[in-house]
C-alpha atoms as a PDB file:
ATOM      1  CA  UNK A   1     102.346 175.022 142.863  1.00  0.00           C
ATOM      2  CA  UNK A   2     104.596 176.318 145.616  1.00  0.00           C
ATOM      3  CA  UNK A   3     105.365 174.346 148.783  1.00  0.00           C
ATOM      4  CA  UNK A   4     107.666 175.100 151.692  1.00  0.00           C
ATOM      5  CA  UNK A   5     110.240 173.341 153.794  1.00  0.00           C
ATOM      6  CA  UNK A   6     112.088 174.530 156.895  1.00  0.00           C
ATOM      7  CA  UNK A   7     115.599 173.137 157.143  1.00  0.00           C
ATOM      8  CA  UNK A   8     119.030 173.730 158.588  1.00  0.00           C
ATOM      9  CA  UNK A   9     121.013 175.876 156.186  1.00  0.00           C
ATOM     10  CA  UNK A  10     123.635 173.186 155.483  1.00  0.00           C
ATOM     11  CA  UNK A  11     120.899 170.907 154.075  1.00  0.00           C
ATOM     12  CA  UNK A  12     119.164 173.546 151.962  1.00  0.00           C
ATOM     13  CA  UNK A  13     121.073 173.174 148.700  1.00  0.00           C
ATOM     14  CA  UNK A  14     119.346 170.073 147.390  1.00  0.00           C
ATOM     15  CA  UNK A  15     116.247 167.967 147.804  1.00  0.00           C
ATOM     16  CA  UNK A  16     117.031 164.324 148.432  1.00  0.00           C
ATOM     17  CA  UNK A  17     115.208 162.868 151.451  1.00  0.00           C
ATOM     18  CA  UNK A  18     118.377 161.569 153.097  1.00  0.00           C
ATOM     19  CA  UNK A  19     117.730 163.466 156.352  1.00  0.00           C
ATOM     20  CA  UNK A  20     114.261 161.951 156.712  1.00  0.00           C
ATOM     21  CA  UNK A  21     115.675 158.472 156.227  1.00  0.00           C
ATOM     22  CA  UNK A  22     117.991 158.770 159.236  1.00  0.00           C
ATOM     23  CA  UNK A  23     115.273 158.483 161.848  1.00  0.00           C
ATOM     24  CA  UNK A  24     111.960 158.224 160.050  1.00  0.00           C
ATOM     25  CA  UNK A  25     108.890 160.356 160.705  1.00  0.00           C
ATOM     26  CA  UNK A  26     105.116 160.160 160.553  1.00  0.00           C
ATOM     27  CA  UNK A  27     105.133 159.301 156.850  1.00  0.00           C
ATOM     28  CA  UNK A  28     108.283 157.189 156.467  1.00  0.00           C
ATOM     29  CA  UNK A  29     110.190 154.570 158.376  1.00  0.00           C
ATOM     30  CA  UNK A  30     113.886 154.717 159.104  1.00  0.00           C
ATOM     31  CA  UNK A  31     115.822 154.031 155.913  1.00  0.00           C
ATOM     32  CA  UNK A  32     113.172 155.409 153.518  1.00  0.00           C
ATOM     33  CA  UNK A  33     114.104 158.642 151.768  1.00  0.00           C
ATOM     34  CA  UNK A  34     111.188 161.064 151.457  1.00  0.00           C
ATOM     35  CA  UNK A  35     110.924 164.845 151.190  1.00  0.00           C
ATOM     36  CA  UNK A  36     108.387 166.541 153.456  1.00  0.00           C
ATOM     37  CA  UNK A  37     106.981 169.908 152.469  1.00  0.00           C
ATOM     38  CA  UNK A  38     104.051 172.052 153.585  1.00  0.00           C
ATOM     39  CA  UNK A  39     101.389 174.096 151.846  1.00  0.00           C
ATOM     40  CA  UNK A  40     102.471 177.288 153.641  1.00  0.00           C
ATOM     41  CA  UNK A  41     105.424 178.817 155.433  1.00  0.00           C
ATOM     42  CA  UNK A  42     103.428 178.858 158.670  1.00  0.00           C
ATOM     43  CA  UNK A  43     102.681 175.144 158.473  1.00  0.00           C
ATOM     44  CA  UNK A  44     106.327 174.348 157.643  1.00  0.00           C
ATOM     45  CA  UNK A  45     107.309 176.263 160.785  1.00  0.00           C
ATOM     46  CA  UNK A  46     104.669 174.566 162.945  1.00  0.00           C
ATOM     47  CA  UNK A  47     105.755 171.116 161.755  1.00  0.00           C
ATOM     48  CA  UNK A  48     109.301 171.833 162.971  1.00  0.00           C
ATOM     49  CA  UNK A  49     108.413 173.886 166.063  1.00  0.00           C
ATOM     50  CA  UNK A  50     106.571 170.987 167.714  1.00  0.00           C
ATOM     51  CA  UNK A  51     109.943 169.244 168.026  1.00  0.00           C
ATOM     52  CA  UNK A  52     111.789 172.210 169.581  1.00  0.00           C
ATOM     53  CA  UNK A  53     112.084 174.025 172.888  1.00  0.00           C
ATOM     54  CA  UNK A  54     113.502 177.453 173.670  1.00  0.00           C
ATOM     55  CA  UNK A  55     116.690 175.660 174.781  1.00  0.00           C
ATOM     56  CA  UNK A  56     117.045 173.822 171.465  1.00  0.00           C
ATOM     57  CA  UNK A  57     115.968 176.716 169.236  1.00  0.00           C
ATOM     58  CA  UNK A  58     118.261 176.680 166.187  1.00  0.00           C
ATOM     59  CA  UNK A  59     119.757 179.834 164.738  1.00  0.00           C
ATOM     60  CA  UNK A  60     120.635 178.379 161.347  1.00  0.00           C
ATOM     61  CA  UNK A  61     117.265 177.503 159.836  1.00  0.00           C
ATOM     62  CA  UNK A  62     116.147 178.593 156.382  1.00  0.00           C
ATOM     63  CA  UNK A  63     112.787 178.543 154.633  1.00  0.00           C
ATOM     64  CA  UNK A  64     112.991 176.741 151.308  1.00  0.00           C
ATOM     65  CA  UNK A  65     110.424 177.560 148.632  1.00  0.00           C
ATOM     66  CA  UNK A  66     109.907 174.708 146.182  1.00  0.00           C
ATOM     67  CA  UNK A  67     108.166 174.760 142.808  1.00  0.00           C
ATOM     68  CA  UNK A  68     106.133 171.727 141.791  1.00  0.00           C
ATOM     69  CA  UNK A  69     105.188 172.229 138.122  1.00  0.00           C
ATOM     70  CA  UNK A  70     101.518 171.938 137.168  1.00  0.00           C
ATOM     71  CA  UNK A  71     102.166 168.905 134.950  1.00  0.00           C
ATOM     72  CA  UNK A  72     103.224 166.785 137.937  1.00  0.00           C
ATOM     73  CA  UNK A  73     100.383 164.660 139.272  1.00  0.00           C
ATOM     74  CA  UNK A  74      99.568 165.137 142.958  1.00  0.00           C
ATOM     75  CA  UNK A  75      97.605 162.348 144.578  1.00  0.00           C
ATOM     76  CA  UNK A  76      95.599 163.056 147.718  1.00  0.00           C
ATOM     77  CA  UNK A  77      95.590 160.396 150.385  1.00  0.00           C
ATOM     78  CA  UNK A  78      92.012 159.124 150.393  1.00  0.00           C
ATOM     79  CA  UNK A  79      91.877 156.960 153.487  1.00  0.00           C
ATOM     80  CA  UNK A  80      93.566 157.371 156.844  1.00  0.00           C
ATOM     81  CA  UNK A  81      94.242 154.599 159.327  1.00  0.00           C
ATOM     82  CA  UNK A  82      92.923 154.845 162.890  1.00  0.00           C
ATOM     83  CA  UNK A  83      95.063 157.021 165.139  1.00  0.00           C
ATOM     84  CA  UNK A  84      97.018 158.338 162.148  1.00  0.00           C
ATOM     85  CA  UNK A  85      97.887 161.537 164.027  1.00  0.00           C
ATOM     86  CA  UNK A  86      99.099 159.912 167.265  1.00  0.00           C
ATOM     87  CA  UNK A  87     102.409 160.800 168.842  1.00  0.00           C
ATOM     88  CA  UNK A  88     104.784 159.105 168.424  1.00  0.00           C
ATOM     89  CA  UNK A  89     103.812 158.327 164.834  1.00  0.00           C
ATOM     90  CA  UNK A  90     101.864 155.192 164.063  1.00  0.00           C
ATOM     91  CA  UNK A  91     103.574 152.470 162.016  1.00  0.00           C
ATOM     92  CA  UNK A  92     100.548 152.405 159.698  1.00  0.00           C
ATOM     93  CA  UNK A  93     101.269 155.937 158.425  1.00  0.00           C
ATOM     94  CA  UNK A  94     104.929 155.072 157.952  1.00  0.00           C
ATOM     95  CA  UNK A  95     103.831 152.122 155.836  1.00  0.00           C
ATOM     96  CA  UNK A  96     101.727 154.455 153.659  1.00  0.00           C
ATOM     97  CA  UNK A  97     104.750 156.671 153.011  1.00  0.00           C
ATOM     98  CA  UNK A  98     107.099 153.754 152.429  1.00  0.00           C
ATOM     99  CA  UNK A  99     104.701 152.235 149.891  1.00  0.00           C
ATOM    100  CA  UNK A 100     104.326 155.634 148.183  1.00  0.00           C
ATOM    101  CA  UNK A 101     108.110 155.824 147.756  1.00  0.00           C
ATOM    102  CA  UNK A 102     108.574 152.171 146.780  1.00  0.00           C
ATOM    103  CA  UNK A 103     105.846 152.205 144.130  1.00  0.00           C
ATOM    104  CA  UNK A 104     107.397 155.196 142.278  1.00  0.00           C
ATOM    105  CA  UNK A 105     104.009 155.569 140.548  1.00  0.00           C
ATOM    106  CA  UNK A 106     103.297 159.055 141.920  1.00  0.00           C
ATOM    107  CA  UNK A 107     105.673 161.960 142.432  1.00  0.00           C
ATOM    108  CA  UNK A 108     103.761 163.908 145.110  1.00  0.00           C
ATOM    109  CA  UNK A 109     101.342 162.722 147.797  1.00  0.00           C
ATOM    110  CA  UNK A 110      99.086 165.208 149.627  1.00  0.00           C
ATOM    111  CA  UNK A 111      98.593 164.209 153.277  1.00  0.00           C
ATOM    112  CA  UNK A 112      96.891 165.899 156.237  1.00  0.00           C
ATOM    113  CA  UNK A 113      98.951 167.694 158.862  1.00  0.00           C
ATOM    114  CA  UNK A 114      98.851 166.149 162.322  1.00  0.00           C
ATOM    115  CA  UNK A 115     100.005 169.482 163.772  1.00  0.00           C
ATOM    116  CA  UNK A 116      97.455 171.828 162.156  1.00  0.00           C
ATOM    117  CA  UNK A 117      94.088 170.192 161.465  1.00  0.00           C
ATOM    118  CA  UNK A 118      92.705 171.153 158.075  1.00  0.00           C
ATOM    119  CA  UNK A 119      96.121 171.957 156.563  1.00  0.00           C
ATOM    120  CA  UNK A 120      98.175 169.673 154.338  1.00  0.00           C
ATOM    121  CA  UNK A 121     101.698 168.541 153.750  1.00  0.00           C
ATOM    122  CA  UNK A 122     103.099 167.306 150.465  1.00  0.00           C
ATOM    123  CA  UNK A 123     105.399 164.297 150.374  1.00  0.00           C
ATOM    124  CA  UNK A 124     107.799 164.254 147.437  1.00  0.00           C
ATOM    125  CA  UNK A 125     109.236 161.042 145.996  1.00  0.00           C
ATOM    126  CA  UNK A 126     112.902 161.635 145.057  1.00  0.00           C
ATOM    127  CA  UNK A 127     112.876 158.444 142.936  1.00  0.00           C
ATOM    128  CA  UNK A 128     109.989 159.362 140.646  1.00  0.00           C
ATOM    129  CA  UNK A 129     110.837 159.993 136.972  1.00  0.00           C
ATOM    130  CA  UNK A 130     109.456 163.561 137.164  1.00  0.00           C
ATOM    131  CA  UNK A 131     111.307 164.492 140.353  1.00  0.00           C
ATOM    132  CA  UNK A 132     113.968 166.379 138.365  1.00  0.00           C
ATOM    133  CA  UNK A 133     111.301 168.940 137.396  1.00  0.00           C
ATOM    134  CA  UNK A 134     110.827 169.969 141.046  1.00  0.00           C
ATOM    135  CA  UNK A 135     113.121 172.864 141.887  1.00  0.00           C
ATOM    136  CA  UNK A 136     114.169 174.968 144.829  1.00  0.00           C
ATOM    137  CA  UNK A 137     113.343 178.530 143.824  1.00  0.00           C
ATOM    138  CA  UNK A 138     114.215 180.449 146.976  1.00  0.00           C
ATOM    139  CA  UNK A 139     116.039 179.990 150.260  1.00  0.00           C
ATOM    140  CA  UNK A 140     115.780 182.634 152.989  1.00  0.00           C
ATOM    141  CA  UNK A 141     117.057 182.796 156.545  1.00  0.00           C
ATOM    142  CA  UNK A 142     114.303 181.945 159.008  1.00  0.00           C
ATOM    143  CA  UNK A 143     114.793 183.265 162.524  1.00  0.00           C
ATOM    144  CA  UNK A 144     112.238 181.764 164.902  1.00  0.00           C
ATOM    145  CA  UNK A 145     110.218 184.252 166.935  1.00  0.00           C
ATOM    146  CA  UNK A 146     111.023 183.256 170.520  1.00  0.00           C
ATOM    147  CA  UNK A 147     107.505 184.196 171.664  1.00  0.00           C
ATOM    148  CA  UNK A 148     106.290 180.919 170.116  1.00  0.00           C
ATOM    149  CA  UNK A 149     108.090 179.032 172.878  1.00  0.00           C
ATOM    150  CA  UNK A 150     106.912 181.075 175.881  1.00  0.00           C
END
């Protein structure tokens, strides 16, 4: 399976979740390392674009293509808490992600996108025993089309 991640170029060499731990996000609290990825390039872009303006548009982003081998179990989140897609993120979704990481039972968790209804993101646990099988297979410059922000 291929998933995608949009990142600043300087952070594109390895997958580790350290960036996500600095401030937290919808699916992790501050201090919890988690790797967010998306089922498509377009969703990866949308997930980042909602946090940007034309004034803060970065010029150094890259699209990272990640391979998750077929023998790695992917669990789909079965139940969502109320207001799971609120902004700012709800502490209940952060708890789900933190517990996913802490349990180390599953390597990849499929969760719904709050940005694009019907699409999914994939959370990767950098502490799972099979994590070393997940590889970056391509990194390409990703210039944002400025029309998105007009």
